[in-house]
Amino acid sequence: MNQLNTDALSKILADGVAELGLPFGDEKIAQMMAYLSLLIKWNSVYNLTAIRDPQEMVKQHLLDSLSAVHAFTEAKSILDVGSGGGLPGIILAIVFPQIKVAMIDTVSKKTAFLTQVKAQLGLRNVTVHNARVESLQVTEKFDVITSRAFSELNNFINWSQHLLADGGRFLAMKGVAPDQEIERLPEGWMVESIEALHVPGLAVERHLVCVKKILN
């Protein structure tokens, strides 16, 4: 990105952050811009995302992920399933340096990219796994498991529930409200809330679905 593009994109991001009411300083904006620069660079070779326009990347990736960060403030450890190019995982790791953020994807070029982002941005709270989530084993389970356009809720929960700590919750980022997916939730699970999200600069539907285990 040239300087003119960087300044324009930074302004779109900063304006969106302000519209969302997020208390970020210039340092976090700069980190997100550094991540965006890496995403654009790697995407030209490895096809990490179908979105090529940098302005649309700011809106559809960065601001889209930021629209949900308020829901993660109480988390201690997060797993981002099917993280792809690092959304929302990298954004969460930048916003919450005190929270452990693990990301998992089956595609090695994507996890290689995430490992590079971790190194270049100095994200010490990040762990990257190249594996299928259903085969992942960890010593400490996660209190929040999230995904963004990963799979339908039924699969998301069935494949990763063994990694959720007692009392934890799933936070699934979706487009339109997934009413039919909710009807097919695995037995023993319930929707705690569905929140309509606002993404600055995008006239699209976005929802955050919170799923918890039904307590006997």
N, C-alpha and C. Protein backbone atom coordinates (compact mmCIF):
# COMPACT_ATOMS: atom_id res chain seq x y z
N MET A 1 0.84 -1.20 0.00
CA MET A 1 0.00 0.00 0.00
C MET A 1 0.87 1.24 0.00
N ASN A 2 0.54 2.21 -0.86
CA ASN A 2 1.29 3.46 -0.81
C ASN A 2 0.77 4.34 0.32
N GLN A 3 1.48 5.44 0.57
CA GLN A 3 1.15 6.28 1.72
C GLN A 3 -0.26 6.86 1.64
N LEU A 4 -0.65 7.28 0.40
CA LEU A 4 -1.97 7.85 0.22
C LEU A 4 -3.05 6.84 0.56
N ASN A 5 -2.89 5.62 0.04
CA ASN A 5 -3.85 4.56 0.35
C ASN A 5 -3.89 4.27 1.84
N THR A 6 -2.72 4.19 2.46
CA THR A 6 -2.65 3.89 3.88
C THR A 6 -3.39 4.93 4.71
N ASP A 7 -3.18 6.19 4.39
CA ASP A 7 -3.86 7.27 5.12
C ASP A 7 -5.37 7.19 4.95
N ALA A 8 -5.82 6.94 3.72
CA ALA A 8 -7.26 6.86 3.44
C ALA A 8 -7.89 5.67 4.15
N LEU A 9 -7.20 4.54 4.10
CA LEU A 9 -7.72 3.33 4.75
C LEU A 9 -7.72 3.48 6.26
N SER A 10 -6.68 4.10 6.81
CA SER A 10 -6.61 4.35 8.25
C SER A 10 -7.78 5.21 8.71
N LYS A 11 -8.15 6.18 7.88
CA LYS A 11 -9.26 7.07 8.24
C LYS A 11 -10.58 6.30 8.23
N ILE A 12 -10.79 5.44 7.22
CA ILE A 12 -12.01 4.62 7.19
C ILE A 12 -12.09 3.75 8.44
N LEU A 13 -10.97 3.15 8.79
CA LEU A 13 -10.93 2.29 9.98
C LEU A 13 -11.18 3.10 11.25
N ALA A 14 -10.48 4.22 11.40
CA ALA A 14 -10.62 5.05 12.60
C ALA A 14 -12.04 5.60 12.73
N ASP A 15 -12.62 6.03 11.60
CA ASP A 15 -14.00 6.53 11.63
C ASP A 15 -14.97 5.43 12.03
N GLY A 16 -14.75 4.22 11.52
CA GLY A 16 -15.60 3.10 11.88
C GLY A 16 -15.48 2.72 13.35
N VAL A 17 -14.26 2.74 13.85
CA VAL A 17 -14.02 2.45 15.27
C VAL A 17 -14.75 3.48 16.15
N ALA A 18 -14.67 4.75 15.74
CA ALA A 18 -15.37 5.81 16.49
C ALA A 18 -16.88 5.60 16.44
N GLU A 19 -17.40 5.21 15.27
CA GLU A 19 -18.84 4.98 15.12
C GLU A 19 -19.30 3.82 16.00
N LEU A 20 -18.44 2.83 16.17
CA LEU A 20 -18.77 1.69 17.04
C LEU A 20 -18.60 2.03 18.52
N GLY A 21 -18.01 3.18 18.80
CA GLY A 21 -17.82 3.59 20.19
C GLY A 21 -16.73 2.82 20.91
N LEU A 22 -15.75 2.34 20.15
CA LEU A 22 -14.68 1.55 20.77
C LEU A 22 -13.54 2.47 21.22
N PRO A 23 -13.02 2.25 22.43
CA PRO A 23 -12.02 3.15 23.00
C PRO A 23 -10.60 2.81 22.58
N PHE A 24 -10.31 2.88 21.28
CA PHE A 24 -8.99 2.51 20.79
C PHE A 24 -8.14 3.74 20.55
N GLY A 25 -6.86 3.61 20.87
CA GLY A 25 -5.90 4.65 20.52
C GLY A 25 -5.27 4.35 19.16
N ASP A 26 -4.34 5.22 18.78
CA ASP A 26 -3.68 5.10 17.48
C ASP A 26 -2.87 3.81 17.35
N GLU A 27 -2.38 3.29 18.49
CA GLU A 27 -1.53 2.10 18.44
C GLU A 27 -2.30 0.88 17.89
N LYS A 28 -3.54 0.69 18.35
CA LYS A 28 -4.32 -0.45 17.88
C LYS A 28 -4.72 -0.27 16.42
N ILE A 29 -5.03 0.97 16.03
CA ILE A 29 -5.35 1.24 14.63
C ILE A 29 -4.13 0.90 13.77
N ALA A 30 -2.94 1.29 14.23
CA ALA A 30 -1.70 1.01 13.48
C ALA A 30 -1.46 -0.49 13.38
N GLN A 31 -1.73 -1.24 14.46
CA GLN A 31 -1.55 -2.69 14.42
C GLN A 31 -2.51 -3.34 13.41
N MET A 32 -3.74 -2.88 13.41
CA MET A 32 -4.71 -3.43 12.46
C MET A 32 -4.34 -3.09 11.02
N MET A 33 -3.79 -1.91 10.81
CA MET A 33 -3.33 -1.53 9.47
C MET A 33 -2.13 -2.37 9.05
N ALA A 34 -1.26 -2.69 9.99
CA ALA A 34 -0.12 -3.56 9.69
C ALA A 34 -0.61 -4.96 9.31
N TYR A 35 -1.62 -5.43 10.03
CA TYR A 35 -2.24 -6.72 9.69
C TYR A 35 -2.86 -6.67 8.30
N LEU A 36 -3.59 -5.59 8.00
CA LEU A 36 -4.21 -5.45 6.69
C LEU A 36 -3.17 -5.45 5.58
N SER A 37 -2.07 -4.78 5.80
CA SER A 37 -1.00 -4.73 4.81
C SER A 37 -0.46 -6.14 4.52
N LEU A 38 -0.28 -6.93 5.58
CA LEU A 38 0.18 -8.31 5.41
C LEU A 38 -0.86 -9.15 4.68
N LEU A 39 -2.13 -8.94 5.02
CA LEU A 39 -3.21 -9.70 4.38
C LEU A 39 -3.25 -9.40 2.88
N ILE A 40 -3.11 -8.13 2.52
CA ILE A 40 -3.10 -7.74 1.10
C ILE A 40 -1.90 -8.37 0.38
N LYS A 41 -0.75 -8.30 1.02
CA LYS A 41 0.48 -8.84 0.41
C LYS A 41 0.37 -10.35 0.19
N TRP A 42 -0.01 -11.07 1.22
CA TRP A 42 -0.11 -12.53 1.11
C TRP A 42 -1.26 -12.95 0.19
N ASN A 43 -2.33 -12.16 0.19
CA ASN A 43 -3.51 -12.53 -0.60
C ASN A 43 -3.22 -12.54 -2.10
N SER A 44 -2.26 -11.73 -2.51
CA SER A 44 -1.92 -11.68 -3.94
C SER A 44 -1.29 -12.99 -4.42
N VAL A 45 -0.76 -13.76 -3.48
CA VAL A 45 -0.11 -15.03 -3.83
C VAL A 45 -0.93 -16.24 -3.39
N TYR A 46 -1.49 -16.17 -2.18
CA TYR A 46 -2.09 -17.36 -1.56
C TYR A 46 -3.62 -17.37 -1.53
N ASN A 47 -4.26 -16.31 -2.03
CA ASN A 47 -5.72 -16.29 -2.10
C ASN A 47 -6.38 -16.58 -0.74
N LEU A 48 -6.07 -15.78 0.24
CA LEU A 48 -6.60 -15.96 1.59
C LEU A 48 -8.05 -15.49 1.70
N THR A 49 -8.42 -14.52 0.88
CA THR A 49 -9.78 -13.99 0.89
C THR A 49 -10.18 -13.60 -0.53
N ALA A 50 -11.47 -13.76 -0.82
CA ALA A 50 -11.96 -13.40 -2.15
C ALA A 50 -12.06 -11.89 -2.33
N ILE A 51 -12.05 -11.16 -1.24
CA ILE A 51 -12.16 -9.70 -1.30
C ILE A 51 -10.79 -9.12 -1.61
N ARG A 52 -10.69 -8.36 -2.69
CA ARG A 52 -9.41 -7.82 -3.14
C ARG A 52 -9.27 -6.32 -2.89
N ASP A 53 -10.39 -5.62 -2.89
CA ASP A 53 -10.35 -4.16 -2.73
C ASP A 53 -10.01 -3.80 -1.29
N PRO A 54 -8.91 -3.03 -1.06
CA PRO A 54 -8.50 -2.71 0.31
C PRO A 54 -9.57 -2.00 1.14
N GLN A 55 -10.35 -1.10 0.51
CA GLN A 55 -11.42 -0.43 1.26
C GLN A 55 -12.47 -1.42 1.71
N GLU A 56 -12.81 -2.37 0.84
CA GLU A 56 -13.79 -3.39 1.21
C GLU A 56 -13.23 -4.33 2.28
N MET A 57 -11.92 -4.57 2.23
CA MET A 57 -11.29 -5.37 3.29
C MET A 57 -11.45 -4.70 4.66
N VAL A 58 -11.25 -3.37 4.69
CA VAL A 58 -11.42 -2.64 5.95
C VAL A 58 -12.84 -2.82 6.47
N LYS A 59 -13.82 -2.68 5.58
CA LYS A 59 -15.21 -2.76 6.02
C LYS A 59 -15.65 -4.19 6.30
N GLN A 60 -15.39 -5.09 5.32
CA GLN A 60 -15.95 -6.43 5.41
C GLN A 60 -15.14 -7.38 6.29
N HIS A 61 -13.90 -7.02 6.58
CA HIS A 61 -13.08 -7.86 7.46
C HIS A 61 -12.81 -7.19 8.81
N LEU A 62 -12.16 -6.02 8.80
CA LEU A 62 -11.76 -5.39 10.06
C LEU A 62 -12.97 -4.88 10.83
N LEU A 63 -13.77 -4.01 10.21
CA LEU A 63 -14.91 -3.43 10.91
C LEU A 63 -15.99 -4.47 11.20
N ASP A 64 -16.14 -5.44 10.31
CA ASP A 64 -17.09 -6.53 10.55
C ASP A 64 -16.70 -7.29 11.82
N SER A 65 -15.42 -7.60 11.96
CA SER A 65 -14.96 -8.30 13.18
C SER A 65 -15.08 -7.40 14.40
N LEU A 66 -14.76 -6.11 14.24
CA LEU A 66 -14.82 -5.18 15.37
C LEU A 66 -16.25 -4.96 15.87
N SER A 67 -17.23 -5.18 15.01
CA SER A 67 -18.63 -4.95 15.41
C SER A 67 -19.06 -5.89 16.54
N ALA A 68 -18.31 -6.98 16.74
CA ALA A 68 -18.69 -7.99 17.75
C ALA A 68 -17.76 -8.01 18.96
N VAL A 69 -16.71 -7.19 18.98
CA VAL A 69 -15.69 -7.35 20.04
C VAL A 69 -16.24 -7.09 21.44
N HIS A 70 -17.29 -6.29 21.54
CA HIS A 70 -17.86 -6.00 22.87
C HIS A 70 -18.34 -7.28 23.58
N ALA A 71 -18.66 -8.31 22.82
CA ALA A 71 -19.16 -9.55 23.41
C ALA A 71 -18.06 -10.40 24.02
N PHE A 72 -16.80 -10.05 23.78
CA PHE A 72 -15.66 -10.87 24.22
C PHE A 72 -14.92 -10.28 25.42
N THR A 73 -15.41 -9.19 25.96
CA THR A 73 -14.64 -8.45 26.98
C THR A 73 -14.37 -9.26 28.24
N GLU A 74 -15.25 -10.19 28.57
CA GLU A 74 -15.08 -10.97 29.81
C GLU A 74 -14.32 -12.27 29.60
N ALA A 75 -13.95 -12.57 28.37
CA ALA A 75 -13.29 -13.85 28.07
C ALA A 75 -11.88 -13.90 28.66
N LYS A 76 -11.44 -15.10 28.97
CA LYS A 76 -10.06 -15.33 29.40
C LYS A 76 -9.27 -16.05 28.31
N SER A 77 -9.95 -16.93 27.57
CA SER A 77 -9.30 -17.64 26.47
C SER A 77 -10.33 -17.89 25.37
N ILE A 78 -9.91 -17.63 24.13
CA ILE A 78 -10.80 -17.72 22.98
C ILE A 78 -10.20 -18.67 21.95
N LEU A 79 -11.06 -19.50 21.34
CA LEU A 79 -10.67 -20.30 20.19
C LEU A 79 -11.47 -19.82 18.98
N ASP A 80 -10.76 -19.44 17.92
CA ASP A 80 -11.39 -19.03 16.66
C ASP A 80 -11.29 -20.20 15.70
N VAL A 81 -12.44 -20.81 15.38
CA VAL A 81 -12.49 -22.03 14.57
C VAL A 81 -12.64 -21.66 13.09
N GLY A 82 -11.82 -22.28 12.25
CA GLY A 82 -11.84 -21.95 10.83
C GLY A 82 -11.40 -20.52 10.61
N SER A 83 -10.31 -20.15 11.24
CA SER A 83 -9.90 -18.75 11.31
C SER A 83 -9.52 -18.16 9.95
N GLY A 84 -9.10 -19.01 9.01
CA GLY A 84 -8.77 -18.51 7.68
C GLY A 84 -7.65 -17.49 7.71
N GLY A 85 -7.95 -16.28 7.26
CA GLY A 85 -6.97 -15.21 7.28
C GLY A 85 -6.85 -14.49 8.62
N GLY A 86 -7.51 -15.04 9.65
CA GLY A 86 -7.37 -14.47 10.99
C GLY A 86 -8.52 -13.62 11.46
N LEU A 87 -9.71 -13.92 10.98
CA LEU A 87 -10.88 -13.12 11.34
C LEU A 87 -11.94 -13.99 11.98
N PRO A 88 -12.34 -13.66 13.21
CA PRO A 88 -11.98 -12.45 13.95
C PRO A 88 -10.75 -12.59 14.85
N GLY A 89 -10.05 -13.75 14.82
CA GLY A 89 -9.01 -14.05 15.81
C GLY A 89 -7.93 -13.00 15.95
N ILE A 90 -7.34 -12.57 14.84
CA ILE A 90 -6.26 -11.58 14.92
C ILE A 90 -6.77 -10.25 15.49
N ILE A 91 -7.96 -9.85 15.05
CA ILE A 91 -8.55 -8.60 15.57
C ILE A 91 -8.78 -8.70 17.07
N LEU A 92 -9.31 -9.83 17.53
CA LEU A 92 -9.52 -10.02 18.98
C LEU A 92 -8.19 -9.99 19.73
N ALA A 93 -7.15 -10.59 19.15
CA ALA A 93 -5.84 -10.60 19.81
C ALA A 93 -5.25 -9.20 19.92
N ILE A 94 -5.47 -8.37 18.91
CA ILE A 94 -4.99 -6.98 18.95
C ILE A 94 -5.77 -6.17 19.99
N VAL A 95 -7.09 -6.33 19.98
CA VAL A 95 -7.95 -5.55 20.88
C VAL A 95 -7.74 -5.94 22.34
N PHE A 96 -7.56 -7.25 22.58
CA PHE A 96 -7.48 -7.77 23.95
C PHE A 96 -6.13 -8.47 24.19
N PRO A 97 -5.05 -7.74 24.38
CA PRO A 97 -3.75 -8.39 24.58
C PRO A 97 -3.68 -9.25 25.84
N GLN A 98 -4.61 -9.04 26.76
CA GLN A 98 -4.63 -9.81 28.01
C GLN A 98 -5.35 -11.14 27.87
N ILE A 99 -6.02 -11.36 26.74
CA ILE A 99 -6.78 -12.60 26.51
C ILE A 99 -5.98 -13.54 25.60
N LYS A 100 -5.94 -14.82 25.98
CA LYS A 100 -5.30 -15.82 25.12
C LYS A 100 -6.22 -16.11 23.93
N VAL A 101 -5.67 -16.02 22.73
CA VAL A 101 -6.45 -16.26 21.52
C VAL A 101 -5.78 -17.36 20.70
N ALA A 102 -6.49 -18.47 20.53
CA ALA A 102 -6.01 -19.56 19.68
C ALA A 102 -6.81 -19.55 18.39
N MET A 103 -6.13 -19.86 17.28
CA MET A 103 -6.79 -19.94 15.98
C MET A 103 -6.48 -21.27 15.35
N ILE A 104 -7.48 -21.86 14.71
CA ILE A 104 -7.28 -23.15 14.08
C ILE A 104 -7.85 -23.14 12.67
N ASP A 105 -7.10 -23.74 11.75
CA ASP A 105 -7.56 -23.90 10.37
C ASP A 105 -6.88 -25.14 9.79
N THR A 106 -7.56 -25.78 8.84
CA THR A 106 -6.99 -26.99 8.24
C THR A 106 -6.05 -26.67 7.09
N VAL A 107 -6.09 -25.44 6.57
CA VAL A 107 -5.31 -25.07 5.38
C VAL A 107 -3.95 -24.52 5.83
N SER A 108 -2.88 -25.21 5.45
CA SER A 108 -1.54 -24.86 5.96
C SER A 108 -1.08 -23.48 5.51
N LYS A 109 -1.45 -23.03 4.31
CA LYS A 109 -1.02 -21.70 3.87
C LYS A 109 -1.68 -20.61 4.72
N LYS A 110 -2.87 -20.88 5.22
CA LYS A 110 -3.55 -19.91 6.07
C LYS A 110 -2.92 -19.87 7.46
N THR A 111 -2.58 -21.03 8.01
CA THR A 111 -1.94 -21.02 9.33
C THR A 111 -0.51 -20.50 9.24
N ALA A 112 0.16 -20.69 8.09
CA ALA A 112 1.49 -20.08 7.89
C ALA A 112 1.37 -18.56 7.91
N PHE A 113 0.33 -18.04 7.28
CA PHE A 113 0.08 -16.59 7.30
C PHE A 113 -0.17 -16.10 8.73
N LEU A 114 -1.01 -16.82 9.46
CA LEU A 114 -1.33 -16.41 10.84
C LEU A 114 -0.07 -16.42 11.72
N THR A 115 0.79 -17.40 11.51
CA THR A 115 2.05 -17.47 12.26
C THR A 115 2.94 -16.28 11.93
N GLN A 116 2.95 -15.87 10.65
CA GLN A 116 3.72 -14.70 10.23
C GLN A 116 3.16 -13.43 10.86
N VAL A 117 1.85 -13.29 10.87
CA VAL A 117 1.21 -12.12 11.49
C VAL A 117 1.56 -12.06 12.98
N LYS A 118 1.47 -13.20 13.64
CA LYS A 118 1.82 -13.26 15.08
C LYS A 118 3.24 -12.74 15.31
N ALA A 119 4.18 -13.17 14.47
CA ALA A 119 5.58 -12.78 14.64
C ALA A 119 5.78 -11.29 14.34
N GLN A 120 5.24 -10.83 13.22
CA GLN A 120 5.51 -9.45 12.80
C GLN A 120 4.80 -8.42 13.67
N LEU A 121 3.64 -8.79 14.21
CA LEU A 121 2.90 -7.86 15.06
C LEU A 121 3.24 -8.04 16.54
N GLY A 122 4.06 -9.06 16.85
CA GLY A 122 4.45 -9.29 18.24
C GLY A 122 3.28 -9.67 19.14
N LEU A 123 2.40 -10.51 18.61
CA LEU A 123 1.19 -10.91 19.36
C LEU A 123 1.51 -12.12 20.24
N ARG A 124 1.94 -11.86 21.44
CA ARG A 124 2.36 -12.94 22.34
C ARG A 124 1.19 -13.76 22.88
N ASN A 125 -0.02 -13.24 22.73
CA ASN A 125 -1.21 -13.94 23.25
C ASN A 125 -1.82 -14.89 22.24
N VAL A 126 -1.16 -15.10 21.09
CA VAL A 126 -1.72 -15.89 20.00
C VAL A 126 -1.08 -17.27 19.91
N THR A 127 -1.92 -18.28 19.66
CA THR A 127 -1.47 -19.64 19.34
C THR A 127 -2.16 -20.06 18.05
N VAL A 128 -1.41 -20.72 17.16
CA VAL A 128 -1.95 -21.13 15.87
C VAL A 128 -1.89 -22.65 15.75
N HIS A 129 -3.01 -23.26 15.36
CA HIS A 129 -3.08 -24.71 15.16
C HIS A 129 -3.45 -25.02 13.72
N ASN A 130 -2.68 -25.89 13.08
CA ASN A 130 -3.02 -26.38 11.74
C ASN A 130 -3.57 -27.80 11.91
N ALA A 131 -4.90 -27.92 12.02
CA ALA A 131 -5.52 -29.21 12.32
C ALA A 131 -7.03 -29.10 12.11
N ARG A 132 -7.69 -30.23 12.14
CA ARG A 132 -9.15 -30.25 12.19
C ARG A 132 -9.58 -30.03 13.63
N VAL A 133 -10.58 -29.20 13.83
CA VAL A 133 -10.96 -28.84 15.20
C VAL A 133 -11.44 -30.06 15.98
N GLU A 134 -12.09 -31.01 15.30
CA GLU A 134 -12.61 -32.17 16.03
C GLU A 134 -11.49 -33.07 16.57
N SER A 135 -10.27 -32.94 16.01
CA SER A 135 -9.15 -33.75 16.49
C SER A 135 -8.23 -32.98 17.44
N LEU A 136 -8.50 -31.71 17.64
CA LEU A 136 -7.64 -30.88 18.51
C LEU A 136 -7.81 -31.27 19.98
N GLN A 137 -6.68 -31.41 20.67
CA GLN A 137 -6.70 -31.66 22.11
C GLN A 137 -5.88 -30.58 22.80
N VAL A 138 -6.40 -30.05 23.89
CA VAL A 138 -5.70 -28.97 24.62
C VAL A 138 -5.68 -29.29 26.11
N THR A 139 -4.69 -28.73 26.81
CA THR A 139 -4.61 -28.95 28.26
C THR A 139 -5.57 -28.04 29.01
N GLU A 140 -5.81 -26.86 28.47
CA GLU A 140 -6.76 -25.92 29.09
C GLU A 140 -7.86 -25.60 28.08
N LYS A 141 -9.10 -25.85 28.48
CA LYS A 141 -10.22 -25.58 27.57
C LYS A 141 -10.52 -24.08 27.50
N PHE A 142 -11.31 -23.70 26.52
CA PHE A 142 -11.60 -22.29 26.23
C PHE A 142 -12.95 -21.89 26.81
N ASP A 143 -13.03 -20.67 27.34
CA ASP A 143 -14.32 -20.23 27.85
C ASP A 143 -15.19 -19.60 26.77
N VAL A 144 -14.57 -19.24 25.63
CA VAL A 144 -15.34 -18.78 24.46
C VAL A 144 -14.77 -19.44 23.21
N ILE A 145 -15.66 -20.02 22.41
CA ILE A 145 -15.28 -20.54 21.09
C ILE A 145 -16.09 -19.77 20.05
N THR A 146 -15.41 -19.22 19.08
CA THR A 146 -16.07 -18.37 18.10
C THR A 146 -15.79 -18.83 16.68
N SER A 147 -16.58 -18.33 15.74
CA SER A 147 -16.32 -18.56 14.33
C SER A 147 -17.02 -17.46 13.53
N ARG A 148 -16.52 -17.23 12.35
CA ARG A 148 -17.11 -16.24 11.45
C ARG A 148 -17.31 -16.92 10.10
N ALA A 149 -18.57 -17.18 9.77
CA ALA A 149 -18.90 -17.84 8.50
C ALA A 149 -18.16 -19.17 8.33
N PHE A 150 -18.06 -19.94 9.42
CA PHE A 150 -17.32 -21.20 9.39
C PHE A 150 -18.19 -22.35 8.89
N SER A 151 -19.26 -22.63 9.59
CA SER A 151 -20.14 -23.74 9.24
C SER A 151 -21.46 -23.50 9.94
N GLU A 152 -22.44 -24.36 9.68
CA GLU A 152 -23.69 -24.14 10.38
C GLU A 152 -23.53 -24.51 11.85
N LEU A 153 -24.40 -23.97 12.69
CA LEU A 153 -24.25 -24.08 14.14
C LEU A 153 -24.15 -25.52 14.61
N ASN A 154 -24.93 -26.40 14.01
CA ASN A 154 -24.94 -27.80 14.40
C ASN A 154 -23.54 -28.41 14.31
N ASN A 155 -22.88 -28.22 13.16
CA ASN A 155 -21.53 -28.75 12.97
C ASN A 155 -20.53 -28.04 13.87
N PHE A 156 -20.63 -26.72 13.93
CA PHE A 156 -19.73 -25.91 14.75
C PHE A 156 -19.68 -26.42 16.18
N ILE A 157 -20.85 -26.69 16.75
CA ILE A 157 -20.93 -27.14 18.14
C ILE A 157 -20.49 -28.60 18.28
N ASN A 158 -20.99 -29.45 17.39
CA ASN A 158 -20.63 -30.87 17.49
C ASN A 158 -19.13 -31.10 17.36
N TRP A 159 -18.48 -30.37 16.45
CA TRP A 159 -17.06 -30.57 16.19
C TRP A 159 -16.16 -29.99 17.27
N SER A 160 -16.63 -28.99 18.00
CA SER A 160 -15.71 -28.29 18.92
C SER A 160 -16.16 -28.25 20.37
N GLN A 161 -17.27 -28.89 20.71
CA GLN A 161 -17.77 -28.80 22.08
C GLN A 161 -16.82 -29.43 23.10
N HIS A 162 -15.98 -30.37 22.66
CA HIS A 162 -15.04 -31.00 23.59
C HIS A 162 -13.96 -30.02 24.06
N LEU A 163 -13.89 -28.86 23.40
CA LEU A 163 -12.87 -27.86 23.73
C LEU A 163 -13.42 -26.72 24.59
N LEU A 164 -14.72 -26.75 24.88
CA LEU A 164 -15.35 -25.67 25.63
C LEU A 164 -15.32 -25.97 27.12
N ALA A 165 -14.85 -25.01 27.90
CA ALA A 165 -14.80 -25.16 29.36
C ALA A 165 -16.22 -25.17 29.93
N ASP A 166 -16.36 -25.75 31.12
CA ASP A 166 -17.66 -25.72 31.80
C ASP A 166 -18.10 -24.28 31.98
N GLY A 167 -19.36 -24.01 31.65
CA GLY A 167 -19.88 -22.65 31.79
C GLY A 167 -19.51 -21.74 30.64
N GLY A 168 -18.77 -22.27 29.65
CA GLY A 168 -18.36 -21.45 28.51
C GLY A 168 -19.48 -21.27 27.50
N ARG A 169 -19.18 -20.52 26.43
CA ARG A 169 -20.22 -20.26 25.44
C ARG A 169 -19.63 -20.20 24.04
N PHE A 170 -20.47 -20.48 23.09
CA PHE A 170 -20.14 -20.31 21.67
C PHE A 170 -20.65 -18.94 21.23
N LEU A 171 -19.83 -18.21 20.48
CA LEU A 171 -20.25 -16.95 19.88
C LEU A 171 -20.03 -17.08 18.37
N ALA A 172 -21.11 -17.25 17.63
CA ALA A 172 -21.03 -17.45 16.18
C ALA A 172 -21.43 -16.18 15.45
N MET A 173 -20.53 -15.68 14.59
CA MET A 173 -20.83 -14.51 13.77
C MET A 173 -21.51 -14.98 12.48
N LYS A 174 -22.71 -14.46 12.25
CA LYS A 174 -23.51 -14.89 11.12
C LYS A 174 -23.99 -13.68 10.32
N GLY A 175 -24.50 -13.94 9.11
CA GLY A 175 -25.10 -12.90 8.31
C GLY A 175 -26.54 -12.69 8.76
N VAL A 176 -27.50 -13.17 7.97
CA VAL A 176 -28.90 -13.09 8.40
C VAL A 176 -29.11 -14.01 9.60
N ALA A 177 -30.13 -13.71 10.39
CA ALA A 177 -30.42 -14.52 11.57
C ALA A 177 -30.65 -15.98 11.15
N PRO A 178 -29.87 -16.92 11.69
CA PRO A 178 -29.91 -18.31 11.20
C PRO A 178 -31.01 -19.13 11.88
N ASP A 179 -32.27 -18.77 11.62
CA ASP A 179 -33.38 -19.41 12.32
C ASP A 179 -33.42 -20.93 12.10
N GLN A 180 -33.19 -21.37 10.86
CA GLN A 180 -33.25 -22.81 10.59
C GLN A 180 -32.09 -23.56 11.25
N GLU A 181 -30.92 -22.92 11.28
CA GLU A 181 -29.77 -23.54 11.97
C GLU A 181 -30.07 -23.70 13.46
N ILE A 182 -30.72 -22.69 14.03
CA ILE A 182 -31.04 -22.73 15.46
C ILE A 182 -31.99 -23.89 15.76
N GLU A 183 -32.92 -24.14 14.84
CA GLU A 183 -33.85 -25.27 15.03
C GLU A 183 -33.11 -26.60 15.05
N ARG A 184 -31.95 -26.67 14.39
CA ARG A 184 -31.19 -27.92 14.31
C ARG A 184 -30.05 -27.99 15.33
N LEU A 185 -30.10 -27.16 16.35
CA LEU A 185 -29.05 -27.22 17.38
C LEU A 185 -28.96 -28.61 17.99
N PRO A 186 -27.75 -29.07 18.33
CA PRO A 186 -27.63 -30.37 18.99
C PRO A 186 -28.40 -30.39 20.31
N GLU A 187 -28.84 -31.56 20.68
CA GLU A 187 -29.57 -31.71 21.94
C GLU A 187 -28.67 -31.28 23.11
N GLY A 188 -29.26 -30.58 24.05
CA GLY A 188 -28.51 -30.14 25.23
C GLY A 188 -27.94 -28.74 25.12
N TRP A 189 -28.20 -28.08 23.98
CA TRP A 189 -27.69 -26.72 23.77
C TRP A 189 -28.83 -25.75 23.50
N MET A 190 -28.67 -24.50 23.90
CA MET A 190 -29.71 -23.49 23.73
C MET A 190 -29.09 -22.16 23.30
N VAL A 191 -29.89 -21.37 22.58
CA VAL A 191 -29.47 -20.02 22.22
C VAL A 191 -29.74 -19.10 23.40
N GLU A 192 -28.71 -18.48 23.90
CA GLU A 192 -28.87 -17.53 25.00
C GLU A 192 -29.29 -16.15 24.49
N SER A 193 -28.75 -15.78 23.32
CA SER A 193 -29.10 -14.47 22.75
C SER A 193 -28.75 -14.43 21.27
N ILE A 194 -29.47 -13.59 20.53
CA ILE A 194 -29.14 -13.25 19.15
C ILE A 194 -29.09 -11.74 19.08
N GLU A 195 -27.95 -11.21 18.69
CA GLU A 195 -27.78 -9.76 18.64
C GLU A 195 -27.54 -9.30 17.21
N ALA A 196 -28.34 -8.34 16.76
CA ALA A 196 -28.11 -7.73 15.45
C ALA A 196 -26.92 -6.78 15.57
N LEU A 197 -25.96 -6.92 14.67
CA LEU A 197 -24.75 -6.10 14.70
C LEU A 197 -24.81 -5.01 13.63
N HIS A 198 -24.19 -3.89 13.94
CA HIS A 198 -24.05 -2.81 12.96
C HIS A 198 -22.60 -2.73 12.53
N VAL A 199 -22.37 -2.80 11.23
CA VAL A 199 -21.02 -2.68 10.68
C VAL A 199 -20.92 -1.35 9.93
N PRO A 200 -20.10 -0.42 10.40
CA PRO A 200 -19.98 0.87 9.72
C PRO A 200 -19.62 0.72 8.24
N GLY A 201 -20.38 1.41 7.39
CA GLY A 201 -20.09 1.39 5.96
C GLY A 201 -20.69 0.24 5.19
N LEU A 202 -21.37 -0.69 5.90
CA LEU A 202 -21.97 -1.84 5.24
C LEU A 202 -23.47 -1.89 5.50
N ALA A 203 -24.26 -1.94 4.43
CA ALA A 203 -25.71 -2.05 4.57
C ALA A 203 -26.10 -3.51 4.40
N VAL A 204 -25.66 -4.32 5.34
CA VAL A 204 -25.92 -5.76 5.30
C VAL A 204 -26.36 -6.24 6.68
N GLU A 205 -27.01 -7.40 6.69
CA GLU A 205 -27.40 -7.99 7.98
C GLU A 205 -26.24 -8.76 8.58
N ARG A 206 -26.01 -8.55 9.85
CA ARG A 206 -25.03 -9.31 10.62
C ARG A 206 -25.62 -9.62 11.98
N HIS A 207 -25.39 -10.82 12.45
CA HIS A 207 -25.91 -11.23 13.76
C HIS A 207 -24.84 -11.99 14.53
N LEU A 208 -24.89 -11.87 15.84
CA LEU A 208 -24.02 -12.63 16.74
C LEU A 208 -24.91 -13.55 17.57
N VAL A 209 -24.66 -14.85 17.44
CA VAL A 209 -25.48 -15.85 18.13
C VAL A 209 -24.68 -16.45 19.28
N CYS A 210 -25.24 -16.33 20.48
CA CYS A 210 -24.60 -16.90 21.68
C CYS A 210 -25.31 -18.19 22.06
N VAL A 211 -24.54 -19.29 22.13
CA VAL A 211 -25.10 -20.62 22.45
C VAL A 211 -24.42 -21.14 23.72
N LYS A 212 -25.24 -21.67 24.63
CA LYS A 212 -24.71 -22.23 25.88
C LYS A 212 -25.32 -23.61 26.11
N LYS A 213 -24.65 -24.38 26.95
CA LYS A 213 -25.15 -25.71 27.31
C LYS A 213 -26.34 -25.56 28.26
N ILE A 214 -27.34 -26.39 28.08
CA ILE A 214 -28.48 -26.38 28.99
C ILE A 214 -28.07 -27.09 30.27
N LEU A 215 -28.21 -26.40 31.38
CA LEU A 215 -27.84 -26.98 32.67
C LEU A 215 -28.97 -27.85 33.21
N ASN A 216 -28.61 -29.05 33.65
CA ASN A 216 -29.63 -29.97 34.18
C ASN A 216 -30.05 -29.53 35.57
